[in-house]
Amino acid sequence: MSNADNAPGQNRDHDRKEVTIVVNGRSKTITQKDLTFDEVVTLAFGPPNYETSVYTVTYQKGDEHKPKGSLVQGQSVKIKDGMIFDVLRTDKS
């Protein structure tokens, strides 16, 4: 896996061990403790384009306090090894 696949979390939390998450069926290795909505979208599709698209982010296998749920723009979620994210992009029409 290339570093480009992991760009959103590469410069934060250097002392944290690597964890593997799955975003839209693809494994991603990150080192940060949490991910924002925008970072998850970026891992799935590249930088978000809110002028032409709407994004939906859901997750499962999260920590014991909130093992599954959804994110909206401006929110973040604590990351756990093996966590699964599904990100949908819908074109505005």
Foldseek 3Di string as FASTA:
>chain_A
DDVQLVPVAPPPQPVADWAWEAEQRRIDIHRDFKDFPQNSVCSHPNGDDVVFKDKWKWKACADPVDRIDTHDHPDMGTDDHHIYMYMDIDTDD
